[in-house]
């Protein structure tokens, strides 16, 4: 029995390949103590940000050991917010719903304007 067969038996198969859904379901309800799951409020805050800013784009950040998948919404002036979205598919569906682009942050990085942005309440 090869490793693929062993993992397939343990996690389940979908069309001969390991199913991401099966892996997520079988790894249990584990959640980092440092994090919480995405909520409808997180998505509502992203919608509000898009509705009240111009030129907003989403930068989708992958799930890590410490946090759920997140989306960084960046406006054209560099103002940004980061909220949990649960999965990249949710972020892309929300972006499509709002008619804005969504990028994979691990591939394209972040816009320079985001790094230059200074919040009005920041000193300096």
PDB file of N, CA and C in Angstrom:
ATOM      1  N   UNK A   1       0.860  -1.171   0.000  1.00  0.00           N
ATOM      2  CA  UNK A   1       0.000   0.000   0.000  1.00  0.00           C
ATOM      3  C   UNK A   1       0.904   1.231   0.000  1.00  0.00           C
ATOM      4  N   UNK A   2       0.692   2.116  -0.972  1.00  0.00           N
ATOM      5  CA  UNK A   2       1.479   3.342  -1.067  1.00  0.00           C
ATOM      6  C   UNK A   2       0.931   4.431  -0.153  1.00  0.00           C
ATOM      7  N   UNK A   3       1.696   5.494  -0.037  1.00  0.00           N
ATOM      8  CA  UNK A   3       1.296   6.622   0.806  1.00  0.00           C
ATOM      9  C   UNK A   3      -0.029   7.230   0.339  1.00  0.00           C
ATOM     10  N   UNK A   4      -0.190   7.359  -0.970  1.00  0.00           N
ATOM     11  CA  UNK A   4      -1.432   7.927  -1.517  1.00  0.00           C
ATOM     12  C   UNK A   4      -2.630   7.058  -1.122  1.00  0.00           C
ATOM     13  N   UNK A   5      -2.466   5.743  -1.194  1.00  0.00           N
ATOM     14  CA  UNK A   5      -3.541   4.833  -0.803  1.00  0.00           C
ATOM     15  C   UNK A   5      -3.848   4.952   0.683  1.00  0.00           C
ATOM     16  N   UNK A   6      -2.788   5.010   1.491  1.00  0.00           N
ATOM     17  CA  UNK A   6      -2.975   5.135   2.942  1.00  0.00           C
ATOM     18  C   UNK A   6      -3.714   6.429   3.282  1.00  0.00           C
ATOM     19  N   UNK A   7      -3.250   7.546   2.700  1.00  0.00           N
ATOM     20  CA  UNK A   7      -3.897   8.829   2.968  1.00  0.00           C
ATOM     21  C   UNK A   7      -5.322   8.846   2.422  1.00  0.00           C
ATOM     22  N   UNK A   8      -5.501   8.203   1.263  1.00  0.00           N
ATOM     23  CA  UNK A   8      -6.843   8.133   0.693  1.00  0.00           C
ATOM     24  C   UNK A   8      -7.805   7.376   1.590  1.00  0.00           C
ATOM     25  N   UNK A   9      -7.324   6.288   2.202  1.00  0.00           N
ATOM     26  CA  UNK A   9      -8.166   5.516   3.114  1.00  0.00           C
ATOM     27  C   UNK A   9      -8.463   6.328   4.379  1.00  0.00           C
ATOM     28  N   UNK A  10      -7.450   7.055   4.853  1.00  0.00           N
ATOM     29  CA  UNK A  10      -7.611   7.819   6.090  1.00  0.00           C
ATOM     30  C   UNK A  10      -8.498   9.051   5.896  1.00  0.00           C
ATOM     31  N   UNK A  11      -8.252   9.810   4.805  1.00  0.00           N
ATOM     32  CA  UNK A  11      -8.973  11.062   4.605  1.00  0.00           C
ATOM     33  C   UNK A  11     -10.166  10.949   3.666  1.00  0.00           C
ATOM     34  N   UNK A  12     -10.214   9.937   2.847  1.00  0.00           N
ATOM     35  CA  UNK A  12     -11.295   9.830   1.882  1.00  0.00           C
ATOM     36  C   UNK A  12     -10.810  10.229   0.505  1.00  0.00           C
ATOM     37  N   UNK A  13     -11.531   9.806  -0.487  1.00  0.00           N
ATOM     38  CA  UNK A  13     -11.144  10.102  -1.875  1.00  0.00           C
ATOM     39  C   UNK A  13     -12.289  10.793  -2.584  1.00  0.00           C
ATOM     40  N   UNK A  14     -11.924  11.615  -3.543  1.00  0.00           N
ATOM     41  CA  UNK A  14     -12.903  12.247  -4.432  1.00  0.00           C
ATOM     42  C   UNK A  14     -12.354  12.106  -5.842  1.00  0.00           C
ATOM     43  N   UNK A  15     -12.935  11.211  -6.610  1.00  0.00           N
ATOM     44  CA  UNK A  15     -12.469  10.992  -7.964  1.00  0.00           C
ATOM     45  C   UNK A  15     -11.035  10.486  -8.027  1.00  0.00           C
ATOM     46  N   UNK A  16     -10.631   9.688  -7.030  1.00  0.00           N
ATOM     47  CA  UNK A  16      -9.291   9.144  -7.029  1.00  0.00           C
ATOM     48  C   UNK A  16      -8.263  10.059  -6.377  1.00  0.00           C
ATOM     49  N   UNK A  17      -8.605  11.283  -6.091  1.00  0.00           N
ATOM     50  CA  UNK A  17      -7.692  12.214  -5.445  1.00  0.00           C
ATOM     51  C   UNK A  17      -8.190  12.529  -4.045  1.00  0.00           C
ATOM     52  N   UNK A  18      -7.294  12.962  -3.203  1.00  0.00           N
ATOM     53  CA  UNK A  18      -7.726  13.372  -1.866  1.00  0.00           C
ATOM     54  C   UNK A  18      -8.661  14.568  -1.983  1.00  0.00           C
ATOM     55  N   UNK A  19      -9.716  14.517  -1.245  1.00  0.00           N
ATOM     56  CA  UNK A  19     -10.689  15.596  -1.252  1.00  0.00           C
ATOM     57  C   UNK A  19     -10.349  16.600  -0.165  1.00  0.00           C
ATOM     58  N   UNK A  20     -10.186  17.868  -0.551  1.00  0.00           N
ATOM     59  CA  UNK A  20      -9.913  18.912   0.441  1.00  0.00           C
ATOM     60  C   UNK A  20     -11.028  18.963   1.469  1.00  0.00           C
ATOM     61  N   UNK A  21     -12.250  18.804   1.026  1.00  0.00           N
ATOM     62  CA  UNK A  21     -13.387  18.842   1.957  1.00  0.00           C
ATOM     63  C   UNK A  21     -13.284  17.697   2.964  1.00  0.00           C
ATOM     64  N   UNK A  22     -12.917  16.513   2.464  1.00  0.00           N
ATOM     65  CA  UNK A  22     -12.791  15.369   3.362  1.00  0.00           C
ATOM     66  C   UNK A  22     -11.680  15.598   4.372  1.00  0.00           C
ATOM     67  N   UNK A  23     -10.594  16.204   3.931  1.00  0.00           N
ATOM     68  CA  UNK A  23      -9.496  16.487   4.851  1.00  0.00           C
ATOM     69  C   UNK A  23      -9.953  17.455   5.931  1.00  0.00           C
ATOM     70  N   UNK A  24     -10.651  18.525   5.549  1.00  0.00           N
ATOM     71  CA  UNK A  24     -11.119  19.508   6.524  1.00  0.00           C
ATOM     72  C   UNK A  24     -12.110  18.899   7.500  1.00  0.00           C
ATOM     73  N   UNK A  25     -13.014  18.060   6.981  1.00  0.00           N
ATOM     74  CA  UNK A  25     -14.026  17.456   7.843  1.00  0.00           C
ATOM     75  C   UNK A  25     -13.370  16.511   8.840  1.00  0.00           C
ATOM     76  N   UNK A  26     -12.425  15.714   8.382  1.00  0.00           N
ATOM     77  CA  UNK A  26     -11.835  14.704   9.245  1.00  0.00           C
ATOM     78  C   UNK A  26     -10.778  15.237  10.203  1.00  0.00           C
ATOM     79  N   UNK A  27     -10.272  16.412   9.948  1.00  0.00           N
ATOM     80  CA  UNK A  27      -9.286  16.916  10.904  1.00  0.00           C
ATOM     81  C   UNK A  27      -9.968  17.436  12.157  1.00  0.00           C
ATOM     82  N   UNK A  28     -11.301  17.405  12.158  1.00  0.00           N
ATOM     83  CA  UNK A  28     -12.045  17.706  13.376  1.00  0.00           C
ATOM     84  C   UNK A  28     -12.318  19.171  13.567  1.00  0.00           C
ATOM     85  N   UNK A  29     -12.819  19.484  14.738  1.00  0.00           N
ATOM     86  CA  UNK A  29     -13.183  20.852  15.053  1.00  0.00           C
ATOM     87  C   UNK A  29     -12.031  21.661  15.590  1.00  0.00           C
ATOM     88  N   UNK A  30     -10.790  21.211  15.300  1.00  0.00           N
ATOM     89  CA  UNK A  30      -9.635  21.925  15.815  1.00  0.00           C
ATOM     90  C   UNK A  30      -9.631  23.358  15.319  1.00  0.00           C
ATOM     91  N   UNK A  31      -9.369  24.249  16.215  1.00  0.00           N
ATOM     92  CA  UNK A  31      -9.211  25.646  15.875  1.00  0.00           C
ATOM     93  C   UNK A  31      -8.162  26.220  16.812  1.00  0.00           C
ATOM     94  N   UNK A  32      -7.279  26.989  16.263  1.00  0.00           N
ATOM     95  CA  UNK A  32      -6.224  27.570  17.088  1.00  0.00           C
ATOM     96  C   UNK A  32      -6.835  28.367  18.221  1.00  0.00           C
ATOM     97  N   UNK A  33      -6.205  28.304  19.385  1.00  0.00           N
ATOM     98  CA  UNK A  33      -6.682  29.096  20.518  1.00  0.00           C
ATOM     99  C   UNK A  33      -6.432  30.573  20.281  1.00  0.00           C
ATOM    100  N   UNK A  34      -5.610  30.904  19.295  1.00  0.00           N
ATOM    101  CA  UNK A  34      -5.302  32.297  18.993  1.00  0.00           C
ATOM    102  C   UNK A  34      -6.321  32.918  18.057  1.00  0.00           C
ATOM    103  N   UNK A  35      -7.215  32.135  17.522  1.00  0.00           N
ATOM    104  CA  UNK A  35      -8.081  32.611  16.461  1.00  0.00           C
ATOM    105  C   UNK A  35      -9.538  32.284  16.727  1.00  0.00           C
ATOM    106  N   UNK A  36     -10.388  32.813  15.888  1.00  0.00           N
ATOM    107  CA  UNK A  36     -11.804  32.482  15.871  1.00  0.00           C
ATOM    108  C   UNK A  36     -12.208  32.289  14.421  1.00  0.00           C
ATOM    109  N   UNK A  37     -13.354  31.686  14.189  1.00  0.00           N
ATOM    110  CA  UNK A  37     -13.820  31.484  12.825  1.00  0.00           C
ATOM    111  C   UNK A  37     -14.435  32.765  12.279  1.00  0.00           C
ATOM    112  N   UNK A  38     -14.525  32.832  10.960  1.00  0.00           N
ATOM    113  CA  UNK A  38     -15.176  33.965  10.309  1.00  0.00           C
ATOM    114  C   UNK A  38     -16.645  33.991  10.693  1.00  0.00           C
ATOM    115  N   UNK A  39     -17.205  35.190  10.777  1.00  0.00           N
ATOM    116  CA  UNK A  39     -18.617  35.368  11.114  1.00  0.00           C
ATOM    117  C   UNK A  39     -19.297  36.214  10.036  1.00  0.00           C
ATOM    118  N   UNK A  40     -20.621  36.227  10.005  1.00  0.00           N
ATOM    119  CA  UNK A  40     -21.320  37.121   9.072  1.00  0.00           C
ATOM    120  C   UNK A  40     -20.944  38.592   9.285  1.00  0.00           C
ATOM    121  N   UNK A  41     -20.606  38.961  10.510  1.00  0.00           N
ATOM    122  CA  UNK A  41     -20.188  40.348  10.766  1.00  0.00           C
ATOM    123  C   UNK A  41     -18.907  40.685  10.020  1.00  0.00           C
ATOM    124  N   UNK A  42     -17.985  39.725   9.923  1.00  0.00           N
ATOM    125  CA  UNK A  42     -16.744  39.961   9.175  1.00  0.00           C
ATOM    126  C   UNK A  42     -17.054  40.286   7.717  1.00  0.00           C
ATOM    127  N   UNK A  43     -17.950  39.512   7.121  1.00  0.00           N
ATOM    128  CA  UNK A  43     -18.315  39.747   5.724  1.00  0.00           C
ATOM    129  C   UNK A  43     -19.071  41.064   5.575  1.00  0.00           C
ATOM    130  N   UNK A  44     -19.913  41.398   6.543  1.00  0.00           N
ATOM    131  CA  UNK A  44     -20.647  42.664   6.510  1.00  0.00           C
ATOM    132  C   UNK A  44     -19.679  43.850   6.575  1.00  0.00           C
ATOM    133  N   UNK A  45     -18.623  43.729   7.373  1.00  0.00           N
ATOM    134  CA  UNK A  45     -17.643  44.811   7.475  1.00  0.00           C
ATOM    135  C   UNK A  45     -16.887  44.981   6.160  1.00  0.00           C
ATOM    136  N   UNK A  46     -16.597  43.880   5.480  1.00  0.00           N
ATOM    137  CA  UNK A  46     -15.960  43.979   4.170  1.00  0.00           C
ATOM    138  C   UNK A  46     -16.897  44.636   3.162  1.00  0.00           C
ATOM    139  N   UNK A  47     -18.172  44.250   3.179  1.00  0.00           N
ATOM    140  CA  UNK A  47     -19.157  44.869   2.279  1.00  0.00           C
ATOM    141  C   UNK A  47     -19.260  46.376   2.533  1.00  0.00           C
ATOM    142  N   UNK A  48     -19.299  46.761   3.801  1.00  0.00           N
ATOM    143  CA  UNK A  48     -19.391  48.174   4.161  1.00  0.00           C
ATOM    144  C   UNK A  48     -18.156  48.940   3.687  1.00  0.00           C
ATOM    145  N   UNK A  49     -16.988  48.349   3.863  1.00  0.00           N
ATOM    146  CA  UNK A  49     -15.754  48.998   3.420  1.00  0.00           C
ATOM    147  C   UNK A  49     -15.802  49.246   1.919  1.00  0.00           C
ATOM    148  N   UNK A  50     -16.226  48.246   1.153  1.00  0.00           N
ATOM    149  CA  UNK A  50     -16.311  48.381  -0.306  1.00  0.00           C
ATOM    150  C   UNK A  50     -17.333  49.454  -0.688  1.00  0.00           C
ATOM    151  N   UNK A  51     -18.455  49.502   0.025  1.00  0.00           N
ATOM    152  CA  UNK A  51     -19.509  50.464  -0.293  1.00  0.00           C
ATOM    153  C   UNK A  51     -19.119  51.905   0.022  1.00  0.00           C
ATOM    154  N   UNK A  52     -18.179  52.093   0.937  1.00  0.00           N
ATOM    155  CA  UNK A  52     -17.852  53.452   1.383  1.00  0.00           C
ATOM    156  C   UNK A  52     -16.473  53.931   0.914  1.00  0.00           C
ATOM    157  N   UNK A  53     -15.766  53.136   0.103  1.00  0.00           N
ATOM    158  CA  UNK A  53     -14.454  53.520  -0.430  1.00  0.00           C
ATOM    159  C   UNK A  53     -14.452  53.341  -1.938  1.00  0.00           C
ATOM    160  N   UNK A  54     -13.450  53.931  -2.582  1.00  0.00           N
ATOM    161  CA  UNK A  54     -13.344  53.779  -4.034  1.00  0.00           C
ATOM    162  C   UNK A  54     -12.160  52.884  -4.374  1.00  0.00           C
ATOM    163  N   UNK A  55     -12.288  52.196  -5.498  1.00  0.00           N
ATOM    164  CA  UNK A  55     -11.201  51.386  -6.026  1.00  0.00           C
ATOM    165  C   UNK A  55     -10.744  50.255  -5.139  1.00  0.00           C
ATOM    166  N   UNK A  56     -11.674  49.614  -4.432  1.00  0.00           N
ATOM    167  CA  UNK A  56     -11.303  48.558  -3.488  1.00  0.00           C
ATOM    168  C   UNK A  56     -10.984  47.260  -4.223  1.00  0.00           C
ATOM    169  N   UNK A  57      -9.932  46.582  -3.738  1.00  0.00           N
ATOM    170  CA  UNK A  57      -9.539  45.268  -4.227  1.00  0.00           C
ATOM    171  C   UNK A  57      -9.341  44.361  -3.022  1.00  0.00           C
ATOM    172  N   UNK A  58      -9.604  43.062  -3.216  1.00  0.00           N
ATOM    173  CA  UNK A  58      -9.365  42.080  -2.162  1.00  0.00           C
ATOM    174  C   UNK A  58      -8.030  41.386  -2.408  1.00  0.00           C
ATOM    175  N   UNK A  59      -7.283  41.176  -1.335  1.00  0.00           N
ATOM    176  CA  UNK A  59      -6.081  40.375  -1.351  1.00  0.00           C
ATOM    177  C   UNK A  59      -6.322  39.229  -0.377  1.00  0.00           C
ATOM    178  N   UNK A  60      -6.454  38.018  -0.909  1.00  0.00           N
ATOM    179  CA  UNK A  60      -6.826  36.853  -0.111  1.00  0.00           C
ATOM    180  C   UNK A  60      -5.568  36.219   0.470  1.00  0.00           C
ATOM    181  N   UNK A  61      -5.563  36.073   1.798  1.00  0.00           N
ATOM    182  CA  UNK A  61      -4.425  35.490   2.505  1.00  0.00           C
ATOM    183  C   UNK A  61      -4.779  34.068   2.927  1.00  0.00           C
ATOM    184  N   UNK A  62      -3.869  33.132   2.745  1.00  0.00           N
ATOM    185  CA  UNK A  62      -4.167  31.732   3.065  1.00  0.00           C
ATOM    186  C   UNK A  62      -4.304  31.489   4.558  1.00  0.00           C
ATOM    187  N   UNK A  63      -4.988  30.431   4.875  1.00  0.00           N
ATOM    188  CA  UNK A  63      -5.107  29.975   6.267  1.00  0.00           C
ATOM    189  C   UNK A  63      -3.717  29.625   6.783  1.00  0.00           C
ATOM    190  N   UNK A  64      -3.470  29.941   8.043  1.00  0.00           N
ATOM    191  CA  UNK A  64      -2.211  29.572   8.680  1.00  0.00           C
ATOM    192  C   UNK A  64      -2.526  28.790   9.947  1.00  0.00           C
ATOM    193  N   UNK A  65      -1.499  28.391  10.658  1.00  0.00           N
ATOM    194  CA  UNK A  65      -1.704  27.684  11.923  1.00  0.00           C
ATOM    195  C   UNK A  65      -2.331  28.601  12.963  1.00  0.00           C
ATOM    196  N   UNK A  66      -2.180  29.903  12.796  1.00  0.00           N
ATOM    197  CA  UNK A  66      -2.677  30.850  13.801  1.00  0.00           C
ATOM    198  C   UNK A  66      -3.959  31.554  13.421  1.00  0.00           C
ATOM    199  N   UNK A  67      -4.335  31.543  12.140  1.00  0.00           N
ATOM    200  CA  UNK A  67      -5.537  32.281  11.744  1.00  0.00           C
ATOM    201  C   UNK A  67      -6.228  31.628  10.559  1.00  0.00           C
ATOM    202  N   UNK A  68      -7.510  31.869  10.472  1.00  0.00           N
ATOM    203  CA  UNK A  68      -8.345  31.406   9.371  1.00  0.00           C
ATOM    204  C   UNK A  68      -7.969  32.180   8.105  1.00  0.00           C
ATOM    205  N   UNK A  69      -8.490  31.767   6.955  1.00  0.00           N
ATOM    206  CA  UNK A  69      -8.290  32.517   5.718  1.00  0.00           C
ATOM    207  C   UNK A  69      -8.830  33.927   5.898  1.00  0.00           C
ATOM    208  N   UNK A  70      -8.075  34.920   5.448  1.00  0.00           N
ATOM    209  CA  UNK A  70      -8.497  36.311   5.576  1.00  0.00           C
ATOM    210  C   UNK A  70      -8.492  36.992   4.223  1.00  0.00           C
ATOM    211  N   UNK A  71      -9.231  38.091   4.144  1.00  0.00           N
ATOM    212  CA  UNK A  71      -9.205  38.961   2.968  1.00  0.00           C
ATOM    213  C   UNK A  71      -8.838  40.355   3.448  1.00  0.00           C
ATOM    214  N   UNK A  72      -7.882  40.960   2.762  1.00  0.00           N
ATOM    215  CA  UNK A  72      -7.512  42.343   3.039  1.00  0.00           C
ATOM    216  C   UNK A  72      -8.174  43.168   1.944  1.00  0.00           C
ATOM    217  N   UNK A  73      -9.048  44.076   2.350  1.00  0.00           N
ATOM    218  CA  UNK A  73      -9.692  44.982   1.407  1.00  0.00           C
ATOM    219  C   UNK A  73      -8.858  46.259   1.383  1.00  0.00           C
ATOM    220  N   UNK A  74      -8.373  46.633   0.196  1.00  0.00           N
ATOM    221  CA  UNK A  74      -7.504  47.801   0.063  1.00  0.00           C
ATOM    222  C   UNK A  74      -8.158  48.793  -0.892  1.00  0.00           C
ATOM    223  N   UNK A  75      -8.360  50.021  -0.409  1.00  0.00           N
ATOM    224  CA  UNK A  75      -8.934  51.086  -1.232  1.00  0.00           C
ATOM    225  C   UNK A  75      -7.833  51.733  -2.071  1.00  0.00           C
ATOM    226  N   UNK A  76      -8.218  52.537  -3.048  1.00  0.00           N
ATOM    227  CA  UNK A  76      -7.242  53.152  -3.953  1.00  0.00           C
ATOM    228  C   UNK A  76      -6.275  54.083  -3.230  1.00  0.00           C
ATOM    229  N   UNK A  77      -6.683  54.660  -2.097  1.00  0.00           N
ATOM    230  CA  UNK A  77      -5.786  55.549  -1.350  1.00  0.00           C
ATOM    231  C   UNK A  77      -4.873  54.785  -0.392  1.00  0.00           C
ATOM    232  N   UNK A  78      -5.042  53.464  -0.330  1.00  0.00           N
ATOM    233  CA  UNK A  78      -4.204  52.637   0.530  1.00  0.00           C
ATOM    234  C   UNK A  78      -4.849  52.248   1.845  1.00  0.00           C
ATOM    235  N   UNK A  79      -5.992  52.845   2.185  1.00  0.00           N
ATOM    236  CA  UNK A  79      -6.684  52.450   3.417  1.00  0.00           C
ATOM    237  C   UNK A  79      -7.068  50.977   3.293  1.00  0.00           C
ATOM    238  N   UNK A  80      -6.972  50.252   4.396  1.00  0.00           N
ATOM    239  CA  UNK A  80      -7.246  48.819   4.315  1.00  0.00           C
ATOM    240  C   UNK A  80      -7.820  48.285   5.616  1.00  0.00           C
ATOM    241  N   UNK A  81      -8.504  47.142   5.470  1.00  0.00           N
ATOM    242  CA  UNK A  81      -8.959  46.358   6.621  1.00  0.00           C
ATOM    243  C   UNK A  81      -8.716  44.888   6.303  1.00  0.00           C
ATOM    244  N   UNK A  82      -8.553  44.106   7.350  1.00  0.00           N
ATOM    245  CA  UNK A  82      -8.362  42.660   7.200  1.00  0.00           C
ATOM    246  C   UNK A  82      -9.456  41.975   8.004  1.00  0.00           C
ATOM    247  N   UNK A  83     -10.164  41.039   7.370  1.00  0.00           N
ATOM    248  CA  UNK A  83     -11.212  40.299   8.059  1.00  0.00           C
ATOM    249  C   UNK A  83     -11.145  38.834   7.671  1.00  0.00           C
ATOM    250  N   UNK A  84     -11.564  37.983   8.587  1.00  0.00           N
ATOM    251  CA  UNK A  84     -11.632  36.544   8.319  1.00  0.00           C
ATOM    252  C   UNK A  84     -12.775  36.278   7.336  1.00  0.00           C
ATOM    253  N   UNK A  85     -12.522  35.327   6.439  1.00  0.00           N
ATOM    254  CA  UNK A  85     -13.559  34.978   5.475  1.00  0.00           C
ATOM    255  C   UNK A  85     -13.873  33.487   5.455  1.00  0.00           C
ATOM    256  N   UNK A  86     -13.074  32.680   6.101  1.00  0.00           N
ATOM    257  CA  UNK A  86     -13.354  31.248   6.172  1.00  0.00           C
ATOM    258  C   UNK A  86     -12.649  30.419   5.129  1.00  0.00           C
ATOM    259  N   UNK A  87     -12.680  30.862   3.864  1.00  0.00           N
ATOM    260  CA  UNK A  87     -12.005  30.120   2.800  1.00  0.00           C
ATOM    261  C   UNK A  87     -11.769  31.052   1.617  1.00  0.00           C
ATOM    262  N   UNK A  88     -10.811  30.715   0.760  1.00  0.00           N
ATOM    263  CA  UNK A  88     -10.596  31.526  -0.438  1.00  0.00           C
ATOM    264  C   UNK A  88     -11.836  31.589  -1.330  1.00  0.00           C
ATOM    265  N   UNK A  89     -12.597  30.498  -1.368  1.00  0.00           N
ATOM    266  CA  UNK A  89     -13.805  30.479  -2.196  1.00  0.00           C
ATOM    267  C   UNK A  89     -14.819  31.519  -1.718  1.00  0.00           C
ATOM    268  N   UNK A  90     -14.954  31.682  -0.412  1.00  0.00           N
ATOM    269  CA  UNK A  90     -15.877  32.684   0.133  1.00  0.00           C
ATOM    270  C   UNK A  90     -15.407  34.080  -0.263  1.00  0.00           C
ATOM    271  N   UNK A  91     -14.106  34.338  -0.152  1.00  0.00           N
ATOM    272  CA  UNK A  91     -13.564  35.654  -0.512  1.00  0.00           C
ATOM    273  C   UNK A  91     -13.805  35.960  -1.984  1.00  0.00           C
ATOM    274  N   UNK A  92     -13.581  34.971  -2.847  1.00  0.00           N
ATOM    275  CA  UNK A  92     -13.770  35.196  -4.276  1.00  0.00           C
ATOM    276  C   UNK A  92     -15.253  35.368  -4.626  1.00  0.00           C
ATOM    277  N   UNK A  93     -16.112  34.629  -3.943  1.00  0.00           N
ATOM    278  CA  UNK A  93     -17.554  34.779  -4.176  1.00  0.00           C
ATOM    279  C   UNK A  93     -18.015  36.168  -3.739  1.00  0.00           C
ATOM    280  N   UNK A  94     -17.529  36.636  -2.588  1.00  0.00           N
ATOM    281  CA  UNK A  94     -17.882  37.975  -2.121  1.00  0.00           C
ATOM    282  C   UNK A  94     -17.362  39.034  -3.083  1.00  0.00           C
ATOM    283  N   UNK A  95     -16.143  38.876  -3.565  1.00  0.00           N
ATOM    284  CA  UNK A  95     -15.579  39.829  -4.531  1.00  0.00           C
ATOM    285  C   UNK A  95     -16.424  39.868  -5.803  1.00  0.00           C
ATOM    286  N   UNK A  96     -16.843  38.705  -6.278  1.00  0.00           N
ATOM    287  CA  UNK A  96     -17.689  38.656  -7.475  1.00  0.00           C
ATOM    288  C   UNK A  96     -19.026  39.341  -7.211  1.00  0.00           C
ATOM    289  N   UNK A  97     -19.600  39.096  -6.029  1.00  0.00           N
ATOM    290  CA  UNK A  97     -20.867  39.732  -5.646  1.00  0.00           C
ATOM    291  C   UNK A  97     -20.732  41.252  -5.644  1.00  0.00           C
ATOM    292  N   UNK A  98     -19.581  41.755  -5.211  1.00  0.00           N
ATOM    293  CA  UNK A  98     -19.350  43.193  -5.096  1.00  0.00           C
ATOM    294  C   UNK A  98     -18.707  43.789  -6.355  1.00  0.00           C
ATOM    295  N   UNK A  99     -18.456  42.947  -7.352  1.00  0.00           N
ATOM    296  CA  UNK A  99     -17.843  43.361  -8.621  1.00  0.00           C
ATOM    297  C   UNK A  99     -16.491  44.042  -8.415  1.00  0.00           C
ATOM    298  N   UNK A 100     -15.658  43.422  -7.593  1.00  0.00           N
ATOM    299  CA  UNK A 100     -14.305  43.933  -7.380  1.00  0.00           C
ATOM    300  C   UNK A 100     -13.317  42.803  -7.617  1.00  0.00           C
ATOM    301  N   UNK A 101     -12.064  43.128  -7.941  1.00  0.00           N
ATOM    302  CA  UNK A 101     -11.072  42.067  -8.159  1.00  0.00           C
ATOM    303  C   UNK A 101     -10.599  41.446  -6.854  1.00  0.00           C
ATOM    304  N   UNK A 102     -10.202  40.189  -6.931  1.00  0.00           N
ATOM    305  CA  UNK A 102      -9.619  39.474  -5.789  1.00  0.00           C
ATOM    306  C   UNK A 102      -8.326  38.831  -6.264  1.00  0.00           C
ATOM    307  N   UNK A 103      -7.269  39.022  -5.487  1.00  0.00           N
ATOM    308  CA  UNK A 103      -5.954  38.493  -5.830  1.00  0.00           C
ATOM    309  C   UNK A 103      -5.467  37.578  -4.723  1.00  0.00           C
ATOM    310  N   UNK A 104      -4.582  36.680  -5.069  1.00  0.00           N
ATOM    311  CA  UNK A 104      -3.933  35.815  -4.091  1.00  0.00           C
ATOM    312  C   UNK A 104      -2.726  36.580  -3.556  1.00  0.00           C
ATOM    313  N   UNK A 105      -2.791  37.015  -2.307  1.00  0.00           N
ATOM    314  CA  UNK A 105      -1.732  37.843  -1.727  1.00  0.00           C
ATOM    315  C   UNK A 105      -0.386  37.135  -1.705  1.00  0.00           C
ATOM    316  N   UNK A 106      -0.391  35.818  -1.576  1.00  0.00           N
ATOM    317  CA  UNK A 106       0.867  35.073  -1.538  1.00  0.00           C
ATOM    318  C   UNK A 106       1.570  35.093  -2.891  1.00  0.00           C
ATOM    319  N   UNK A 107       0.832  35.350  -3.950  1.00  0.00           N
ATOM    320  CA  UNK A 107       1.411  35.374  -5.295  1.00  0.00           C
ATOM    321  C   UNK A 107       1.737  36.797  -5.743  1.00  0.00           C
ATOM    322  N   UNK A 108       0.781  37.723  -5.581  1.00  0.00           N
ATOM    323  CA  UNK A 108       0.977  39.075  -6.121  1.00  0.00           C
ATOM    324  C   UNK A 108       1.486  40.079  -5.100  1.00  0.00           C
ATOM    325  N   UNK A 109       1.434  39.750  -3.820  1.00  0.00           N
ATOM    326  CA  UNK A 109       1.852  40.708  -2.801  1.00  0.00           C
ATOM    327  C   UNK A 109       0.763  41.745  -2.541  1.00  0.00           C
ATOM    328  N   UNK A 110       1.162  42.885  -1.978  1.00  0.00           N
ATOM    329  CA  UNK A 110       0.218  43.944  -1.616  1.00  0.00           C
ATOM    330  C   UNK A 110       0.587  45.219  -2.355  1.00  0.00           C
ATOM    331  N   UNK A 111      -0.392  46.095  -2.584  1.00  0.00           N
ATOM    332  CA  UNK A 111      -0.089  47.341  -3.299  1.00  0.00           C
ATOM    333  C   UNK A 111       0.771  48.282  -2.441  1.00  0.00           C
ATOM    334  N   UNK A 112       1.630  49.065  -3.103  1.00  0.00           N
ATOM    335  CA  UNK A 112       2.489  50.019  -2.390  1.00  0.00           C
ATOM    336  C   UNK A 112       1.677  51.021  -1.580  1.00  0.00           C
ATOM    337  N   UNK A 113       0.521  51.411  -2.097  1.00  0.00           N
ATOM    338  CA  UNK A 113      -0.313  52.401  -1.395  1.00  0.00           C
ATOM    339  C   UNK A 113      -0.707  51.905  -0.009  1.00  0.00           C
ATOM    340  N   UNK A 114      -0.880  50.609   0.136  1.00  0.00           N
ATOM    341  CA  UNK A 114      -1.249  50.039   1.441  1.00  0.00           C
ATOM    342  C   UNK A 114      -0.134  50.271   2.457  1.00  0.00           C
ATOM    343  N   UNK A 115       1.084  50.087   2.035  1.00  0.00           N
ATOM    344  CA  UNK A 115       2.225  50.285   2.939  1.00  0.00           C
ATOM    345  C   UNK A 115       2.417  51.759   3.283  1.00  0.00           C
ATOM    346  N   UNK A 116       2.084  52.641   2.355  1.00  0.00           N
ATOM    347  CA  UNK A 116       2.260  54.076   2.596  1.00  0.00           C
ATOM    348  C   UNK A 116       1.115  54.694   3.389  1.00  0.00           C
ATOM    349  N   UNK A 117      -0.005  54.002   3.462  1.00  0.00           N
ATOM    350  CA  UNK A 117      -1.184  54.583   4.109  1.00  0.00           C
ATOM    351  C   UNK A 117      -0.940  54.837   5.598  1.00  0.00           C
ATOM    352  N   UNK A 118      -1.311  56.006   6.049  1.00  0.00           N
ATOM    353  CA  UNK A 118      -1.217  56.353   7.464  1.00  0.00           C
ATOM    354  C   UNK A 118      -2.632  56.653   7.949  1.00  0.00           C
ATOM    355  N   UNK A 119      -3.052  55.923   8.917  1.00  0.00           N
ATOM    356  CA  UNK A 119      -4.386  56.140   9.483  1.00  0.00           C
ATOM    357  C   UNK A 119      -4.460  57.532  10.086  1.00  0.00           C
ATOM    358  N   UNK A 120      -5.615  58.197   9.981  1.00  0.00           N
ATOM    359  CA  UNK A 120      -5.754  59.548  10.511  1.00  0.00           C
ATOM    360  C   UNK A 120      -5.423  59.648  11.998  1.00  0.00           C
ATOM    361  N   UNK A 121      -5.644  58.579  12.762  1.00  0.00           N
ATOM    362  CA  UNK A 121      -5.386  58.644  14.193  1.00  0.00           C
ATOM    363  C   UNK A 121      -3.953  58.231  14.563  1.00  0.00           C
ATOM    364  N   UNK A 122      -3.119  57.929  13.537  1.00  0.00           N
ATOM    365  CA  UNK A 122      -1.749  57.516  13.849  1.00  0.00           C
ATOM    366  C   UNK A 122      -0.868  58.747  14.058  1.00  0.00           C
ATOM    367  N   UNK A 123       0.090  58.628  14.934  1.00  0.00           N
ATOM    368  CA  UNK A 123       0.982  59.754  15.199  1.00  0.00           C
ATOM    369  C   UNK A 123       2.150  59.732  14.230  1.00  0.00           C
ATOM    370  N   UNK A 124       2.782  60.890  14.082  1.00  0.00           N
ATOM    371  CA  UNK A 124       3.980  60.956  13.273  1.00  0.00           C
ATOM    372  C   UNK A 124       3.760  61.623  12.012  1.00  0.00           C
TER     373      UNK A 124
END
